[in-house]
Structure formats: structure tokens, C-alpha cells
Amino acid sequence: MGDLFKIVNNFRGLKSELPNLAIDVLDESDILIMQDRLEQGIYADGSSFPEYSETTIGIKRSTGGFISQSGNIALKDSGDFYDSMNLKKFKGFAEIDAADPDGLNERFGSNILDVSQDESNEMFEIKREQLLKNVEKYLFE
């Protein structure tokens, strides 16, 4: 009977523990989902980054630089910004951080590293099985 009470108590605590169980399944590979959006030149809220100027497009074409399909700035010019992205986990939440040597936060706003609800859903959909295993372990162990 003690096991049943333990399971019931664990179930009661699941609502408050679920964010931590979800955060546990995230890893560095989830950054790629956000980078896909950034390569399109789009903020998490769906608004667009500014478009490249014709001069910049000409320079990028001549030097082999990255040009987004949308024509919006993609923050991928040298790759340093994307390469510096990392996932930081905290109790109840996670964030993606990156080095900002070129002042991107100042130029594009500190929300450039926000994750959209669709991206969050995609991250957890990919990790659904792992998340369910974490929930099961929490409830029954």
C-alpha cells in the first residue's frame, strides 16, 4: 500500500515538477531548430529582420557569404554567432545564449534569441519519448 501512496504523492507533485522534467530532455541539438528560423531572418514573434541592402547582397554574392532565401538579414555571416550558441538549463526554464561580439543584441534587440511557441513544441515533440520516460520514472520510482 505504501507504493500506491508514493505514486499518488508523486502524481500530485507532477504539475510542479513537469517543467524540470521537460528541461532535462533538452540538449544542444535543439538549438538547430531556432537557427533554422534565424536563417530565414525571422524573430520568434514572426516579424522579420530587416532586408539586406542591394550593396550587401552584391558583396555577399562576390565573397560567397550567406544570403537568406527571404532576403532578410540572417545573422549567419561569419558563423561565429551561430557557433557560440549554447543551451543553459535552470530550475524550471532553459535559455539559449550566445556570444555577442558584434553587438547584435543592440542592433536587433535582446529578443533575437527568444524561442517561439512553435519551436518549443517542435523541441518537445522530438523528445516526446524521452520526456514520457522521465515522467514515468518520476511517478513510479
N, C-alpha and C. Protein backbone atom coordinates (compact mmCIF):
# COMPACT_ATOMS: atom_id res chain seq x y z
N MET A 1 0.82 -1.20 0.00
CA MET A 1 0.00 0.00 0.00
C MET A 1 0.87 1.26 0.00
N GLY A 2 2.06 1.16 0.58
CA GLY A 2 2.97 2.30 0.63
C GLY A 2 3.35 2.78 -0.76
N ASP A 3 3.52 1.83 -1.70
CA ASP A 3 3.88 2.21 -3.06
C ASP A 3 2.78 3.02 -3.72
N LEU A 4 1.53 2.65 -3.46
CA LEU A 4 0.40 3.37 -4.03
C LEU A 4 0.36 4.81 -3.52
N PHE A 5 0.58 4.99 -2.22
CA PHE A 5 0.62 6.34 -1.66
C PHE A 5 1.75 7.16 -2.25
N LYS A 6 2.88 6.51 -2.46
CA LYS A 6 4.03 7.20 -3.06
C LYS A 6 3.69 7.66 -4.48
N ILE A 7 3.05 6.79 -5.25
CA ILE A 7 2.66 7.13 -6.63
C ILE A 7 1.67 8.30 -6.62
N VAL A 8 0.69 8.24 -5.72
CA VAL A 8 -0.31 9.31 -5.63
C VAL A 8 0.38 10.63 -5.26
N ASN A 9 1.29 10.59 -4.30
CA ASN A 9 2.02 11.81 -3.92
C ASN A 9 2.87 12.32 -5.07
N ASN A 10 3.51 11.41 -5.78
CA ASN A 10 4.31 11.82 -6.94
C ASN A 10 3.41 12.45 -8.01
N PHE A 11 2.23 11.87 -8.20
CA PHE A 11 1.30 12.40 -9.19
C PHE A 11 0.88 13.82 -8.81
N ARG A 12 0.65 14.05 -7.52
CA ARG A 12 0.27 15.39 -7.05
C ARG A 12 1.39 16.40 -7.32
N GLY A 13 2.62 15.95 -7.22
CA GLY A 13 3.76 16.84 -7.43
C GLY A 13 4.16 16.99 -8.89
N LEU A 14 3.54 16.19 -9.76
CA LEU A 14 3.94 16.20 -11.17
C LEU A 14 3.76 17.56 -11.82
N LYS A 15 2.68 18.25 -11.51
CA LYS A 15 2.43 19.55 -12.15
C LYS A 15 3.58 20.53 -11.89
N SER A 16 4.08 20.57 -10.68
CA SER A 16 5.17 21.50 -10.38
C SER A 16 6.52 20.98 -10.88
N GLU A 17 6.65 19.66 -11.02
CA GLU A 17 7.93 19.08 -11.45
C GLU A 17 8.04 18.95 -12.96
N LEU A 18 6.92 19.01 -13.67
CA LEU A 18 6.92 18.81 -15.12
C LEU A 18 7.85 19.75 -15.88
N PRO A 19 7.90 21.05 -15.55
CA PRO A 19 8.85 21.91 -16.27
C PRO A 19 10.30 21.42 -16.15
N ASN A 20 10.68 20.95 -14.97
CA ASN A 20 12.05 20.45 -14.78
C ASN A 20 12.29 19.17 -15.58
N LEU A 21 11.29 18.29 -15.61
CA LEU A 21 11.41 17.06 -16.39
C LEU A 21 11.55 17.38 -17.88
N ALA A 22 10.82 18.40 -18.33
CA ALA A 22 10.90 18.81 -19.74
C ALA A 22 12.26 19.43 -20.04
N ILE A 23 12.75 20.27 -19.16
CA ILE A 23 14.06 20.90 -19.36
C ILE A 23 15.15 19.85 -19.44
N ASP A 24 15.02 18.79 -18.65
CA ASP A 24 16.03 17.73 -18.64
C ASP A 24 16.24 17.09 -20.01
N VAL A 25 15.20 17.04 -20.85
CA VAL A 25 15.33 16.37 -22.15
C VAL A 25 15.97 17.24 -23.22
N LEU A 26 16.05 18.54 -22.98
CA LEU A 26 16.65 19.44 -23.98
C LEU A 26 18.16 19.25 -24.03
N ASP A 27 18.72 19.43 -25.22
CA ASP A 27 20.17 19.40 -25.36
C ASP A 27 20.58 20.36 -26.48
N GLU A 28 21.87 20.44 -26.71
CA GLU A 28 22.42 21.40 -27.68
C GLU A 28 21.82 21.24 -29.09
N SER A 29 21.38 20.03 -29.44
CA SER A 29 20.81 19.82 -30.78
C SER A 29 19.54 20.64 -31.00
N ASP A 30 18.86 21.00 -29.92
CA ASP A 30 17.63 21.78 -30.05
C ASP A 30 17.89 23.20 -30.53
N ILE A 31 19.11 23.65 -30.42
CA ILE A 31 19.47 24.98 -30.92
C ILE A 31 19.27 25.06 -32.44
N LEU A 32 19.45 23.94 -33.12
CA LEU A 32 19.30 23.91 -34.59
C LEU A 32 17.91 24.35 -35.03
N ILE A 33 16.91 24.05 -34.23
CA ILE A 33 15.53 24.44 -34.57
C ILE A 33 15.42 25.96 -34.62
N MET A 34 16.00 26.62 -33.63
CA MET A 34 15.96 28.08 -33.61
C MET A 34 16.84 28.65 -34.73
N GLN A 35 17.98 28.04 -34.98
CA GLN A 35 18.86 28.53 -36.04
C GLN A 35 18.18 28.46 -37.40
N ASP A 36 17.34 27.46 -37.62
CA ASP A 36 16.60 27.38 -38.89
C ASP A 36 15.74 28.63 -39.09
N ARG A 37 15.10 29.08 -38.02
CA ARG A 37 14.27 30.30 -38.11
C ARG A 37 15.14 31.52 -38.34
N LEU A 38 16.25 31.60 -37.61
CA LEU A 38 17.15 32.75 -37.77
C LEU A 38 17.71 32.82 -39.19
N GLU A 39 17.95 31.68 -39.81
CA GLU A 39 18.45 31.66 -41.18
C GLU A 39 17.43 32.24 -42.16
N GLN A 40 16.19 32.26 -41.75
CA GLN A 40 15.14 32.88 -42.57
C GLN A 40 15.00 34.36 -42.27
N GLY A 41 15.71 34.83 -41.24
CA GLY A 41 15.63 36.24 -40.87
C GLY A 41 14.35 36.61 -40.18
N ILE A 42 13.91 35.75 -39.26
CA ILE A 42 12.62 35.97 -38.60
C ILE A 42 12.80 35.90 -37.08
N TYR A 43 12.18 36.85 -36.37
CA TYR A 43 12.13 36.82 -34.91
C TYR A 43 11.17 35.74 -34.44
N ALA A 44 11.25 35.38 -33.16
CA ALA A 44 10.36 34.37 -32.58
C ALA A 44 8.89 34.76 -32.68
N ASP A 45 8.62 36.06 -32.67
CA ASP A 45 7.22 36.52 -32.75
C ASP A 45 6.68 36.54 -34.18
N GLY A 46 7.51 36.14 -35.15
CA GLY A 46 7.09 36.07 -36.54
C GLY A 46 7.43 37.29 -37.37
N SER A 47 7.86 38.37 -36.73
CA SER A 47 8.24 39.55 -37.50
C SER A 47 9.61 39.32 -38.16
N SER A 48 9.87 40.07 -39.19
CA SER A 48 11.07 39.87 -40.00
C SER A 48 12.21 40.79 -39.59
N PHE A 49 13.42 40.27 -39.71
CA PHE A 49 14.60 41.11 -39.60
C PHE A 49 14.59 42.04 -40.82
N PRO A 50 15.38 43.12 -40.78
CA PRO A 50 15.48 43.97 -41.96
C PRO A 50 16.03 43.20 -43.17
N GLU A 51 15.71 43.68 -44.36
CA GLU A 51 16.25 43.06 -45.57
C GLU A 51 17.68 43.53 -45.79
N TYR A 52 18.45 42.69 -46.48
CA TYR A 52 19.79 43.10 -46.88
C TYR A 52 19.68 44.23 -47.90
N SER A 53 20.63 45.13 -47.87
CA SER A 53 20.66 46.17 -48.90
C SER A 53 21.21 45.54 -50.18
N GLU A 54 20.96 46.16 -51.31
CA GLU A 54 21.47 45.66 -52.59
C GLU A 54 23.00 45.60 -52.58
N THR A 55 23.63 46.59 -51.93
CA THR A 55 25.08 46.61 -51.83
C THR A 55 25.58 45.40 -51.05
N THR A 56 24.94 45.10 -49.93
CA THR A 56 25.34 43.95 -49.11
C THR A 56 25.14 42.65 -49.87
N ILE A 57 24.03 42.54 -50.59
CA ILE A 57 23.79 41.32 -51.39
C ILE A 57 24.89 41.16 -52.43
N GLY A 58 25.28 42.26 -53.08
CA GLY A 58 26.36 42.20 -54.06
C GLY A 58 27.67 41.74 -53.44
N ILE A 59 27.98 42.27 -52.28
CA ILE A 59 29.22 41.87 -51.58
C ILE A 59 29.14 40.40 -51.20
N LYS A 60 28.02 39.96 -50.68
CA LYS A 60 27.87 38.56 -50.27
C LYS A 60 27.99 37.63 -51.48
N ARG A 61 27.41 38.03 -52.59
CA ARG A 61 27.50 37.18 -53.79
C ARG A 61 28.95 37.07 -54.27
N SER A 62 29.69 38.15 -54.17
CA SER A 62 31.07 38.11 -54.65
C SER A 62 32.01 37.39 -53.69
N THR A 63 31.65 37.35 -52.41
CA THR A 63 32.53 36.71 -51.42
C THR A 63 32.03 35.34 -50.97
N GLY A 64 30.86 34.93 -51.47
CA GLY A 64 30.31 33.63 -51.06
C GLY A 64 29.64 33.67 -49.70
N GLY A 65 29.25 34.85 -49.25
CA GLY A 65 28.58 34.99 -47.95
C GLY A 65 27.17 34.41 -47.98
N PHE A 66 26.63 34.16 -46.82
CA PHE A 66 25.30 33.58 -46.70
C PHE A 66 24.24 34.64 -46.96
N ILE A 67 23.29 34.31 -47.85
CA ILE A 67 22.14 35.17 -48.12
C ILE A 67 20.90 34.32 -47.84
N SER A 68 20.05 34.80 -46.96
CA SER A 68 18.83 34.05 -46.64
C SER A 68 17.90 34.03 -47.86
N GLN A 69 17.09 32.99 -47.95
CA GLN A 69 16.14 32.90 -49.07
C GLN A 69 15.14 34.03 -49.04
N SER A 70 14.83 34.51 -47.83
CA SER A 70 13.85 35.59 -47.70
C SER A 70 14.43 36.95 -48.09
N GLY A 71 15.76 37.04 -48.13
CA GLY A 71 16.41 38.33 -48.37
C GLY A 71 16.58 39.13 -47.09
N ASN A 72 16.12 38.58 -45.97
CA ASN A 72 16.28 39.23 -44.67
C ASN A 72 17.66 38.91 -44.10
N ILE A 73 18.17 39.82 -43.30
CA ILE A 73 19.42 39.56 -42.58
C ILE A 73 19.23 38.27 -41.79
N ALA A 74 20.24 37.42 -41.79
CA ALA A 74 20.11 36.10 -41.15
C ALA A 74 21.07 35.90 -39.99
N LEU A 75 21.92 36.87 -39.69
CA LEU A 75 22.87 36.79 -38.57
C LEU A 75 23.82 35.60 -38.70
N LYS A 76 24.09 35.17 -39.93
CA LYS A 76 24.93 33.99 -40.14
C LYS A 76 26.17 34.32 -40.98
N ASP A 77 26.54 35.55 -41.07
CA ASP A 77 27.60 35.95 -41.99
C ASP A 77 28.89 35.16 -41.80
N SER A 78 29.47 35.21 -40.61
CA SER A 78 30.73 34.51 -40.40
C SER A 78 30.53 33.15 -39.75
N GLY A 79 29.37 32.94 -39.15
CA GLY A 79 29.11 31.69 -38.43
C GLY A 79 29.49 31.75 -36.97
N ASP A 80 30.24 32.80 -36.58
CA ASP A 80 30.70 32.89 -35.19
C ASP A 80 29.53 32.98 -34.22
N PHE A 81 28.51 33.75 -34.55
CA PHE A 81 27.35 33.90 -33.67
C PHE A 81 26.65 32.56 -33.49
N TYR A 82 26.37 31.87 -34.59
CA TYR A 82 25.70 30.56 -34.51
C TYR A 82 26.56 29.57 -33.74
N ASP A 83 27.86 29.56 -34.02
CA ASP A 83 28.77 28.61 -33.35
C ASP A 83 28.86 28.85 -31.85
N SER A 84 28.60 30.07 -31.41
CA SER A 84 28.72 30.38 -29.98
C SER A 84 27.44 30.07 -29.19
N MET A 85 26.37 29.71 -29.87
CA MET A 85 25.11 29.45 -29.18
C MET A 85 25.24 28.24 -28.27
N ASN A 86 24.67 28.37 -27.08
CA ASN A 86 24.67 27.24 -26.14
C ASN A 86 23.38 27.25 -25.33
N LEU A 87 23.05 26.08 -24.84
CA LEU A 87 21.83 25.90 -24.05
C LEU A 87 22.20 25.94 -22.58
N LYS A 88 21.50 26.78 -21.84
CA LYS A 88 21.70 26.86 -20.39
C LYS A 88 20.41 26.40 -19.72
N LYS A 89 20.55 25.46 -18.79
CA LYS A 89 19.40 24.91 -18.08
C LYS A 89 19.39 25.43 -16.65
N PHE A 90 18.20 25.81 -16.22
CA PHE A 90 17.97 26.28 -14.86
C PHE A 90 16.76 25.53 -14.31
N LYS A 91 16.50 25.69 -13.05
CA LYS A 91 15.32 25.04 -12.47
C LYS A 91 14.06 25.68 -13.06
N GLY A 92 13.32 24.90 -13.83
CA GLY A 92 12.06 25.37 -14.39
C GLY A 92 12.12 26.08 -15.72
N PHE A 93 13.32 26.39 -16.21
CA PHE A 93 13.39 27.03 -17.52
C PHE A 93 14.78 26.82 -18.12
N ALA A 94 14.86 27.04 -19.41
CA ALA A 94 16.12 26.96 -20.13
C ALA A 94 16.20 28.18 -21.03
N GLU A 95 17.42 28.54 -21.40
CA GLU A 95 17.59 29.64 -22.33
C GLU A 95 18.73 29.32 -23.28
N ILE A 96 18.67 29.92 -24.43
CA ILE A 96 19.75 29.81 -25.41
C ILE A 96 20.50 31.12 -25.36
N ASP A 97 21.80 31.02 -25.23
CA ASP A 97 22.65 32.19 -25.10
C ASP A 97 23.70 32.14 -26.21
N ALA A 98 24.33 33.25 -26.47
CA ALA A 98 25.38 33.31 -27.49
C ALA A 98 26.30 34.47 -27.19
N ALA A 99 27.52 34.36 -27.68
CA ALA A 99 28.45 35.48 -27.59
C ALA A 99 27.90 36.60 -28.47
N ASP A 100 28.21 37.82 -28.11
CA ASP A 100 27.67 38.96 -28.86
C ASP A 100 28.77 39.97 -29.18
N PRO A 101 29.83 39.51 -29.85
CA PRO A 101 30.95 40.42 -30.12
C PRO A 101 30.61 41.55 -31.09
N ASP A 102 29.59 41.34 -31.92
CA ASP A 102 29.25 42.35 -32.92
C ASP A 102 28.09 43.24 -32.49
N GLY A 103 27.67 43.15 -31.23
CA GLY A 103 26.59 43.99 -30.73
C GLY A 103 25.24 43.67 -31.36
N LEU A 104 24.98 42.39 -31.64
CA LEU A 104 23.72 42.02 -32.28
C LEU A 104 22.52 42.34 -31.39
N ASN A 105 22.68 42.15 -30.08
CA ASN A 105 21.57 42.49 -29.17
C ASN A 105 21.20 43.95 -29.29
N GLU A 106 22.19 44.79 -29.43
CA GLU A 106 21.93 46.23 -29.54
C GLU A 106 21.27 46.55 -30.88
N ARG A 107 21.75 45.91 -31.94
CA ARG A 107 21.24 46.21 -33.28
C ARG A 107 19.88 45.56 -33.56
N PHE A 108 19.66 44.34 -33.04
CA PHE A 108 18.44 43.60 -33.38
C PHE A 108 17.51 43.38 -32.19
N GLY A 109 17.94 43.75 -30.99
CA GLY A 109 17.11 43.57 -29.80
C GLY A 109 17.49 42.31 -29.06
N SER A 110 17.34 42.35 -27.77
CA SER A 110 17.75 41.21 -26.95
C SER A 110 16.85 40.00 -27.16
N ASN A 111 15.76 40.16 -27.88
CA ASN A 111 14.86 39.04 -28.12
C ASN A 111 15.25 38.19 -29.33
N ILE A 112 16.41 38.43 -29.92
CA ILE A 112 16.80 37.62 -31.08
C ILE A 112 16.98 36.16 -30.71
N LEU A 113 17.24 35.88 -29.45
CA LEU A 113 17.43 34.50 -29.01
C LEU A 113 16.19 33.91 -28.34
N ASP A 114 15.05 34.60 -28.45
CA ASP A 114 13.81 34.04 -27.93
C ASP A 114 13.43 32.81 -28.75
N VAL A 115 12.74 31.89 -28.12
CA VAL A 115 12.25 30.69 -28.79
C VAL A 115 10.74 30.81 -28.92
N SER A 116 10.24 30.61 -30.13
CA SER A 116 8.80 30.72 -30.36
C SER A 116 8.07 29.51 -29.77
N GLN A 117 6.76 29.64 -29.61
CA GLN A 117 5.97 28.52 -29.11
C GLN A 117 6.05 27.34 -30.07
N ASP A 118 6.03 27.61 -31.37
CA ASP A 118 6.14 26.53 -32.36
C ASP A 118 7.49 25.81 -32.23
N GLU A 119 8.55 26.58 -32.01
CA GLU A 119 9.88 25.96 -31.85
C GLU A 119 9.93 25.12 -30.57
N SER A 120 9.36 25.65 -29.52
CA SER A 120 9.31 24.92 -28.25
C SER A 120 8.53 23.61 -28.43
N ASN A 121 7.39 23.69 -29.10
CA ASN A 121 6.59 22.49 -29.36
C ASN A 121 7.39 21.48 -30.18
N GLU A 122 8.11 21.96 -31.18
CA GLU A 122 8.92 21.06 -32.02
C GLU A 122 10.02 20.39 -31.20
N MET A 123 10.67 21.17 -30.33
CA MET A 123 11.73 20.61 -29.50
C MET A 123 11.19 19.46 -28.64
N PHE A 124 10.03 19.69 -28.04
CA PHE A 124 9.48 18.66 -27.15
C PHE A 124 8.83 17.51 -27.92
N GLU A 125 8.32 17.78 -29.12
CA GLU A 125 7.78 16.70 -29.93
C GLU A 125 8.88 15.71 -30.30
N ILE A 126 10.03 16.23 -30.65
CA ILE A 126 11.17 15.39 -30.99
C ILE A 126 11.59 14.55 -29.79
N LYS A 127 11.46 15.13 -28.60
CA LYS A 127 11.91 14.47 -27.37
C LYS A 127 10.75 13.83 -26.60
N ARG A 128 9.61 13.65 -27.24
CA ARG A 128 8.41 13.14 -26.56
C ARG A 128 8.68 11.84 -25.81
N GLU A 129 9.28 10.87 -26.48
CA GLU A 129 9.52 9.57 -25.85
C GLU A 129 10.41 9.71 -24.61
N GLN A 130 11.45 10.51 -24.74
CA GLN A 130 12.35 10.72 -23.62
C GLN A 130 11.63 11.43 -22.47
N LEU A 131 10.80 12.42 -22.79
CA LEU A 131 10.04 13.13 -21.77
C LEU A 131 9.07 12.19 -21.06
N LEU A 132 8.37 11.34 -21.82
CA LEU A 132 7.45 10.38 -21.22
C LEU A 132 8.19 9.42 -20.29
N LYS A 133 9.38 9.01 -20.67
CA LYS A 133 10.18 8.14 -19.80
C LYS A 133 10.55 8.86 -18.50
N ASN A 134 10.88 10.14 -18.61
CA ASN A 134 11.21 10.92 -17.41
C ASN A 134 9.99 11.04 -16.49
N VAL A 135 8.83 11.26 -17.07
CA VAL A 135 7.60 11.37 -16.28
C VAL A 135 7.30 10.04 -15.60
N GLU A 136 7.41 8.96 -16.36
CA GLU A 136 7.17 7.63 -15.80
C GLU A 136 8.15 7.34 -14.65
N LYS A 137 9.39 7.65 -14.86
CA LYS A 137 10.40 7.43 -13.81
C LYS A 137 10.05 8.25 -12.57
N TYR A 138 9.65 9.50 -12.76
CA TYR A 138 9.28 10.35 -11.64
C TYR A 138 8.09 9.77 -10.87
N LEU A 139 7.09 9.27 -11.60
CA LEU A 139 5.90 8.77 -10.94
C LEU A 139 6.11 7.43 -10.22
N PHE A 140 6.89 6.55 -10.84
CA PHE A 140 6.93 5.18 -10.34
C PHE A 140 8.23 4.77 -9.66
N GLU A 141 9.20 5.61 -9.61
CA GLU A 141 10.45 5.23 -8.93
C GLU A 141 10.63 6.02 -7.66
